[in-house]
């Protein structure tokens, strides 16, 4: 997969993570989008590095999507824990 496809995957993974974890985010739409993209990269890297699942060249690989969504969820939860009260 190219960088562009990872960015698209990250956008979609961020939207799915936001759907799975609703509520107000401290960063709004832009922050959640950036968290999704970063989560996709980190989830893919962790999957390839420590879970012995090489990064697939196929955009529709389920394990790649699970890693991207999982990374986005973890980052979104961490972001809310660190900066959750900034929009009150």
C-alpha atoms as a PDB file:
ATOM      1  CA  UNK A   1       0.000   0.000   0.000  1.00  0.00           C
ATOM      2  CA  UNK A   2       1.147   3.507  -0.695  1.00  0.00           C
ATOM      3  CA  UNK A   3       1.199   6.462   1.687  1.00  0.00           C
ATOM      4  CA  UNK A   4      -1.980   7.794   0.079  1.00  0.00           C
ATOM      5  CA  UNK A   5      -3.836   4.553   0.726  1.00  0.00           C
ATOM      6  CA  UNK A   6      -2.649   4.580   4.366  1.00  0.00           C
ATOM      7  CA  UNK A   7      -3.991   8.123   4.725  1.00  0.00           C
ATOM      8  CA  UNK A   8      -7.349   7.082   3.240  1.00  0.00           C
ATOM      9  CA  UNK A   9      -7.377   4.018   5.493  1.00  0.00           C
ATOM     10  CA  UNK A  10      -6.593   6.289   8.449  1.00  0.00           C
ATOM     11  CA  UNK A  11      -9.442   8.649   7.599  1.00  0.00           C
ATOM     12  CA  UNK A  12     -11.867   5.755   7.423  1.00  0.00           C
ATOM     13  CA  UNK A  13     -10.434   4.105  10.554  1.00  0.00           C
ATOM     14  CA  UNK A  14     -10.767   7.396  12.441  1.00  0.00           C
ATOM     15  CA  UNK A  15     -14.403   7.696  11.365  1.00  0.00           C
ATOM     16  CA  UNK A  16     -15.089   4.121  12.471  1.00  0.00           C
ATOM     17  CA  UNK A  17     -13.305   4.707  15.793  1.00  0.00           C
ATOM     18  CA  UNK A  18     -15.377   7.857  16.316  1.00  0.00           C
ATOM     19  CA  UNK A  19     -18.537   5.865  15.562  1.00  0.00           C
ATOM     20  CA  UNK A  20     -17.507   3.179  18.069  1.00  0.00           C
ATOM     21  CA  UNK A  21     -16.563   5.757  20.705  1.00  0.00           C
ATOM     22  CA  UNK A  22     -19.084   8.614  20.408  1.00  0.00           C
ATOM     23  CA  UNK A  23     -18.924  11.831  22.349  1.00  0.00           C
ATOM     24  CA  UNK A  24     -17.206  15.172  22.241  1.00  0.00           C
ATOM     25  CA  UNK A  25     -13.554  15.120  21.355  1.00  0.00           C
ATOM     26  CA  UNK A  26     -11.144  17.791  22.545  1.00  0.00           C
ATOM     27  CA  UNK A  27      -9.738  18.240  19.032  1.00  0.00           C
ATOM     28  CA  UNK A  28     -12.973  18.266  17.073  1.00  0.00           C
ATOM     29  CA  UNK A  29     -13.178  16.938  13.532  1.00  0.00           C
ATOM     30  CA  UNK A  30      -9.615  17.833  12.533  1.00  0.00           C
ATOM     31  CA  UNK A  31      -8.120  16.339  15.687  1.00  0.00           C
ATOM     32  CA  UNK A  32     -10.116  13.132  15.296  1.00  0.00           C
ATOM     33  CA  UNK A  33      -9.067  12.877  11.652  1.00  0.00           C
ATOM     34  CA  UNK A  34      -5.400  13.280  12.522  1.00  0.00           C
ATOM     35  CA  UNK A  35      -5.769  10.728  15.313  1.00  0.00           C
ATOM     36  CA  UNK A  36      -7.291   8.297  12.799  1.00  0.00           C
ATOM     37  CA  UNK A  37      -4.424   8.728  10.345  1.00  0.00           C
ATOM     38  CA  UNK A  38      -1.806   8.421  13.092  1.00  0.00           C
ATOM     39  CA  UNK A  39      -3.617   5.415  14.557  1.00  0.00           C
ATOM     40  CA  UNK A  40      -3.589   3.673  11.194  1.00  0.00           C
ATOM     41  CA  UNK A  41       0.153   4.162  10.853  1.00  0.00           C
ATOM     42  CA  UNK A  42       0.869   3.092  14.433  1.00  0.00           C
ATOM     43  CA  UNK A  43      -1.532   0.138  14.283  1.00  0.00           C
ATOM     44  CA  UNK A  44       0.030  -1.066  11.028  1.00  0.00           C
ATOM     45  CA  UNK A  45       3.530  -0.668  12.428  1.00  0.00           C
ATOM     46  CA  UNK A  46       2.672  -2.575  15.636  1.00  0.00           C
ATOM     47  CA  UNK A  47       0.981  -5.292  13.621  1.00  0.00           C
ATOM     48  CA  UNK A  48       4.004  -5.716  11.372  1.00  0.00           C
ATOM     49  CA  UNK A  49       6.612  -5.383  14.108  1.00  0.00           C
ATOM     50  CA  UNK A  50       5.295  -7.379  17.062  1.00  0.00           C
ATOM     51  CA  UNK A  51       2.302  -9.401  15.879  1.00  0.00           C
ATOM     52  CA  UNK A  52       4.131 -11.074  13.013  1.00  0.00           C
ATOM     53  CA  UNK A  53       1.592  -9.923  10.444  1.00  0.00           C
ATOM     54  CA  UNK A  54       3.371  -8.248   7.542  1.00  0.00           C
ATOM     55  CA  UNK A  55       1.723  -5.214   6.035  1.00  0.00           C
ATOM     56  CA  UNK A  56      -0.437  -6.404   3.196  1.00  0.00           C
ATOM     57  CA  UNK A  57      -0.329  -4.871  -0.244  1.00  0.00           C
ATOM     58  CA  UNK A  58      -4.094  -5.353  -0.417  1.00  0.00           C
ATOM     59  CA  UNK A  59      -6.220  -2.423   0.763  1.00  0.00           C
ATOM     60  CA  UNK A  60      -9.051  -4.731   1.825  1.00  0.00           C
ATOM     61  CA  UNK A  61      -7.042  -6.937   4.203  1.00  0.00           C
ATOM     62  CA  UNK A  62      -9.110  -7.447   7.367  1.00  0.00           C
ATOM     63  CA  UNK A  63      -6.124  -7.622   9.707  1.00  0.00           C
ATOM     64  CA  UNK A  64      -4.778  -4.326   8.374  1.00  0.00           C
ATOM     65  CA  UNK A  65      -8.156  -2.672   8.930  1.00  0.00           C
ATOM     66  CA  UNK A  66      -8.406  -4.137  12.447  1.00  0.00           C
ATOM     67  CA  UNK A  67      -4.931  -2.833  13.289  1.00  0.00           C
ATOM     68  CA  UNK A  68      -5.760   0.634  11.929  1.00  0.00           C
ATOM     69  CA  UNK A  69      -9.074   0.855  13.773  1.00  0.00           C
ATOM     70  CA  UNK A  70      -7.505  -0.515  16.956  1.00  0.00           C
ATOM     71  CA  UNK A  71      -4.695   2.020  16.781  1.00  0.00           C
ATOM     72  CA  UNK A  72      -7.199   4.818  16.222  1.00  0.00           C
ATOM     73  CA  UNK A  73      -9.304   3.703  19.180  1.00  0.00           C
ATOM     74  CA  UNK A  74      -6.296   3.529  21.488  1.00  0.00           C
ATOM     75  CA  UNK A  75      -5.102   6.986  20.450  1.00  0.00           C
ATOM     76  CA  UNK A  76      -8.596   8.460  20.729  1.00  0.00           C
ATOM     77  CA  UNK A  77      -9.022   7.057  24.255  1.00  0.00           C
ATOM     78  CA  UNK A  78      -5.572   8.298  25.285  1.00  0.00           C
ATOM     79  CA  UNK A  79      -6.278  11.725  23.784  1.00  0.00           C
ATOM     80  CA  UNK A  80      -9.563  11.975  25.664  1.00  0.00           C
ATOM     81  CA  UNK A  81      -7.887  10.958  28.919  1.00  0.00           C
ATOM     82  CA  UNK A  82      -5.140  13.541  28.501  1.00  0.00           C
ATOM     83  CA  UNK A  83      -7.139  16.456  27.083  1.00  0.00           C
ATOM     84  CA  UNK A  84     -10.754  15.544  27.792  1.00  0.00           C
ATOM     85  CA  UNK A  85     -11.675  18.644  29.767  1.00  0.00           C
ATOM     86  CA  UNK A  86     -10.247  21.192  27.356  1.00  0.00           C
ATOM     87  CA  UNK A  87     -13.612  21.850  25.605  1.00  0.00           C
ATOM     88  CA  UNK A  88     -15.733  22.273  28.742  1.00  0.00           C
END
